[in-house]
Amino acid sequence: MDNEEQIKKLKHRNKEYKKIIEELQSENTMLWDYLEEIREQEKQLMSEIGLAIDDYLVHNMKPIGDA
């Protein structure tokens, strides 16, 4: 195998690797975006749970002694 043929094969492999890298970068970006959405949903849910707990405590609180 001569050098020119090796260079052609290496260039071809390089193109294939570049394509794979682009696909992986795209997938990586989508996964980070999805993770961020999950974090935002988790924040909203924790806020709603906190409000529900506060509401429950206030409505079910019984006074102790005379105030």
N, C-alpha and C. Protein backbone atom coordinates (compact mmCIF):
# COMPACT_ATOMS: atom_id res chain seq x y z
N MET A 1 0.85 -1.17 0.00
CA MET A 1 0.00 0.00 0.00
C MET A 1 0.90 1.24 0.00
N ASP A 2 0.66 2.08 -0.93
CA ASP A 2 1.51 3.28 -1.02
C ASP A 2 0.95 4.40 -0.13
N ASN A 3 1.73 5.44 0.01
CA ASN A 3 1.38 6.55 0.90
C ASN A 3 0.10 7.26 0.48
N GLU A 4 -0.08 7.42 -0.80
CA GLU A 4 -1.26 8.12 -1.30
C GLU A 4 -2.53 7.37 -0.92
N GLU A 5 -2.48 6.07 -1.06
CA GLU A 5 -3.63 5.24 -0.70
C GLU A 5 -3.90 5.30 0.80
N GLN A 6 -2.85 5.29 1.58
CA GLN A 6 -3.00 5.40 3.05
C GLN A 6 -3.62 6.74 3.42
N ILE A 7 -3.18 7.79 2.76
CA ILE A 7 -3.72 9.12 3.04
C ILE A 7 -5.21 9.17 2.71
N LYS A 8 -5.61 8.56 1.58
CA LYS A 8 -7.03 8.52 1.20
C LYS A 8 -7.84 7.79 2.27
N LYS A 9 -7.33 6.66 2.72
CA LYS A 9 -8.05 5.89 3.74
C LYS A 9 -8.15 6.66 5.05
N LEU A 10 -7.08 7.32 5.41
CA LEU A 10 -7.09 8.11 6.65
C LEU A 10 -8.05 9.29 6.55
N LYS A 11 -8.09 9.93 5.40
CA LYS A 11 -9.03 11.04 5.19
C LYS A 11 -10.47 10.55 5.29
N HIS A 12 -10.71 9.39 4.70
CA HIS A 12 -12.05 8.82 4.75
C HIS A 12 -12.44 8.49 6.20
N ARG A 13 -11.55 7.88 6.94
CA ARG A 13 -11.81 7.56 8.34
C ARG A 13 -12.01 8.83 9.16
N ASN A 14 -11.24 9.84 8.83
CA ASN A 14 -11.37 11.12 9.52
C ASN A 14 -12.76 11.71 9.31
N LYS A 15 -13.28 11.64 8.09
CA LYS A 15 -14.63 12.13 7.79
C LYS A 15 -15.67 11.35 8.59
N GLU A 16 -15.49 10.05 8.66
CA GLU A 16 -16.41 9.21 9.42
C GLU A 16 -16.39 9.59 10.90
N TYR A 17 -15.21 9.80 11.44
CA TYR A 17 -15.08 10.18 12.85
C TYR A 17 -15.69 11.55 13.11
N LYS A 18 -15.51 12.47 12.18
CA LYS A 18 -16.11 13.80 12.33
C LYS A 18 -17.63 13.70 12.38
N LYS A 19 -18.19 12.85 11.52
CA LYS A 19 -19.64 12.67 11.50
C LYS A 19 -20.13 12.09 12.83
N ILE A 20 -19.41 11.11 13.33
CA ILE A 20 -19.78 10.50 14.61
C ILE A 20 -19.69 11.53 15.74
N ILE A 21 -18.65 12.35 15.73
CA ILE A 21 -18.49 13.38 16.75
C ILE A 21 -19.63 14.38 16.70
N GLU A 22 -20.03 14.78 15.50
CA GLU A 22 -21.15 15.72 15.35
C GLU A 22 -22.43 15.12 15.91
N GLU A 23 -22.67 13.85 15.62
CA GLU A 23 -23.87 13.17 16.13
C GLU A 23 -23.84 13.11 17.65
N LEU A 24 -22.68 12.78 18.20
CA LEU A 24 -22.56 12.69 19.65
C LEU A 24 -22.70 14.06 20.31
N GLN A 25 -22.17 15.10 19.68
CA GLN A 25 -22.33 16.45 20.23
C GLN A 25 -23.79 16.86 20.23
N SER A 26 -24.50 16.53 19.17
CA SER A 26 -25.92 16.84 19.09
C SER A 26 -26.70 16.10 20.18
N GLU A 27 -26.41 14.83 20.34
CA GLU A 27 -27.07 14.04 21.37
C GLU A 27 -26.74 14.58 22.76
N ASN A 28 -25.50 14.96 22.96
CA ASN A 28 -25.07 15.52 24.24
C ASN A 28 -25.85 16.79 24.56
N THR A 29 -25.99 17.66 23.57
CA THR A 29 -26.73 18.91 23.76
C THR A 29 -28.19 18.62 24.12
N MET A 30 -28.80 17.69 23.40
CA MET A 30 -30.19 17.34 23.68
C MET A 30 -30.34 16.79 25.09
N LEU A 31 -29.40 15.96 25.54
CA LEU A 31 -29.48 15.40 26.88
C LEU A 31 -29.32 16.46 27.96
N TRP A 32 -28.41 17.42 27.74
CA TRP A 32 -28.25 18.51 28.71
C TRP A 32 -29.51 19.37 28.76
N ASP A 33 -30.13 19.61 27.61
CA ASP A 33 -31.38 20.38 27.58
C ASP A 33 -32.48 19.64 28.34
N TYR A 34 -32.55 18.34 28.13
CA TYR A 34 -33.54 17.51 28.82
C TYR A 34 -33.29 17.54 30.33
N LEU A 35 -32.05 17.44 30.73
CA LEU A 35 -31.70 17.49 32.15
C LEU A 35 -32.12 18.82 32.76
N GLU A 36 -31.90 19.90 32.04
CA GLU A 36 -32.30 21.22 32.53
C GLU A 36 -33.81 21.31 32.69
N GLU A 37 -34.57 20.73 31.76
CA GLU A 37 -36.02 20.71 31.87
C GLU A 37 -36.45 19.94 33.12
N ILE A 38 -35.80 18.82 33.37
CA ILE A 38 -36.12 18.01 34.54
C ILE A 38 -35.82 18.80 35.81
N ARG A 39 -34.71 19.51 35.85
CA ARG A 39 -34.37 20.32 37.03
C ARG A 39 -35.41 21.40 37.27
N GLU A 40 -35.87 22.05 36.20
CA GLU A 40 -36.89 23.08 36.35
C GLU A 40 -38.20 22.48 36.87
N GLN A 41 -38.57 21.32 36.34
CA GLN A 41 -39.79 20.66 36.80
C GLN A 41 -39.65 20.27 38.27
N GLU A 42 -38.47 19.82 38.66
CA GLU A 42 -38.23 19.43 40.04
C GLU A 42 -38.36 20.65 40.96
N LYS A 43 -37.84 21.81 40.55
CA LYS A 43 -37.96 23.03 41.35
C LYS A 43 -39.43 23.39 41.54
N GLN A 44 -40.21 23.33 40.44
CA GLN A 44 -41.63 23.66 40.52
C GLN A 44 -42.36 22.69 41.45
N LEU A 45 -42.06 21.41 41.32
CA LEU A 45 -42.70 20.40 42.14
C LEU A 45 -42.37 20.60 43.62
N MET A 46 -41.11 20.88 43.93
CA MET A 46 -40.71 21.10 45.32
C MET A 46 -41.41 22.34 45.88
N SER A 47 -41.56 23.37 45.07
CA SER A 47 -42.27 24.57 45.51
C SER A 47 -43.73 24.25 45.80
N GLU A 48 -44.37 23.50 44.92
CA GLU A 48 -45.76 23.12 45.12
C GLU A 48 -45.92 22.25 46.35
N ILE A 49 -45.00 21.33 46.58
CA ILE A 49 -45.05 20.47 47.76
C ILE A 49 -44.90 21.32 49.03
N GLY A 50 -43.97 22.27 48.99
CA GLY A 50 -43.78 23.15 50.14
C GLY A 50 -45.03 23.95 50.46
N LEU A 51 -45.69 24.47 49.41
CA LEU A 51 -46.93 25.22 49.62
C LEU A 51 -48.03 24.32 50.17
N ALA A 52 -48.11 23.10 49.67
CA ALA A 52 -49.13 22.16 50.15
C ALA A 52 -48.88 21.80 51.61
N ILE A 53 -47.63 21.60 51.98
CA ILE A 53 -47.31 21.28 53.38
C ILE A 53 -47.63 22.47 54.28
N ASP A 54 -47.25 23.66 53.86
CA ASP A 54 -47.56 24.85 54.65
C ASP A 54 -49.07 25.00 54.83
N ASP A 55 -49.83 24.82 53.76
CA ASP A 55 -51.28 24.92 53.81
C ASP A 55 -51.85 23.88 54.76
N TYR A 56 -51.37 22.67 54.67
CA TYR A 56 -51.83 21.58 55.55
C TYR A 56 -51.56 21.92 57.01
N LEU A 57 -50.35 22.37 57.29
CA LEU A 57 -49.98 22.68 58.67
C LEU A 57 -50.84 23.81 59.23
N VAL A 58 -51.06 24.85 58.45
CA VAL A 58 -51.85 25.98 58.91
C VAL A 58 -53.29 25.57 59.18
N HIS A 59 -53.88 24.79 58.29
CA HIS A 59 -55.28 24.40 58.45
C HIS A 59 -55.49 23.33 59.52
N ASN A 60 -54.48 22.58 59.85
CA ASN A 60 -54.63 21.50 60.83
C ASN A 60 -53.97 21.82 62.16
N MET A 61 -53.51 23.02 62.33
CA MET A 61 -52.84 23.42 63.56
C MET A 61 -53.91 23.67 64.62
N LYS A 62 -53.69 23.11 65.81
CA LYS A 62 -54.61 23.32 66.91
C LYS A 62 -53.90 24.16 67.96
N PRO A 63 -54.55 25.18 68.44
CA PRO A 63 -53.91 26.02 69.44
C PRO A 63 -53.65 25.23 70.73
N ILE A 64 -52.56 25.58 71.37
CA ILE A 64 -52.19 24.95 72.63
C ILE A 64 -52.28 26.01 73.72
N GLY A 65 -53.12 25.79 74.66
CA GLY A 65 -53.25 26.74 75.77
C GLY A 65 -54.00 27.99 75.36
N ASP A 66 -54.04 28.93 76.27
CA ASP A 66 -54.71 30.21 76.02
C ASP A 66 -53.71 31.21 75.48
N ALA A 67 -54.10 31.89 74.45
CA ALA A 67 -53.20 32.90 73.88
C ALA A 67 -53.75 34.28 74.13
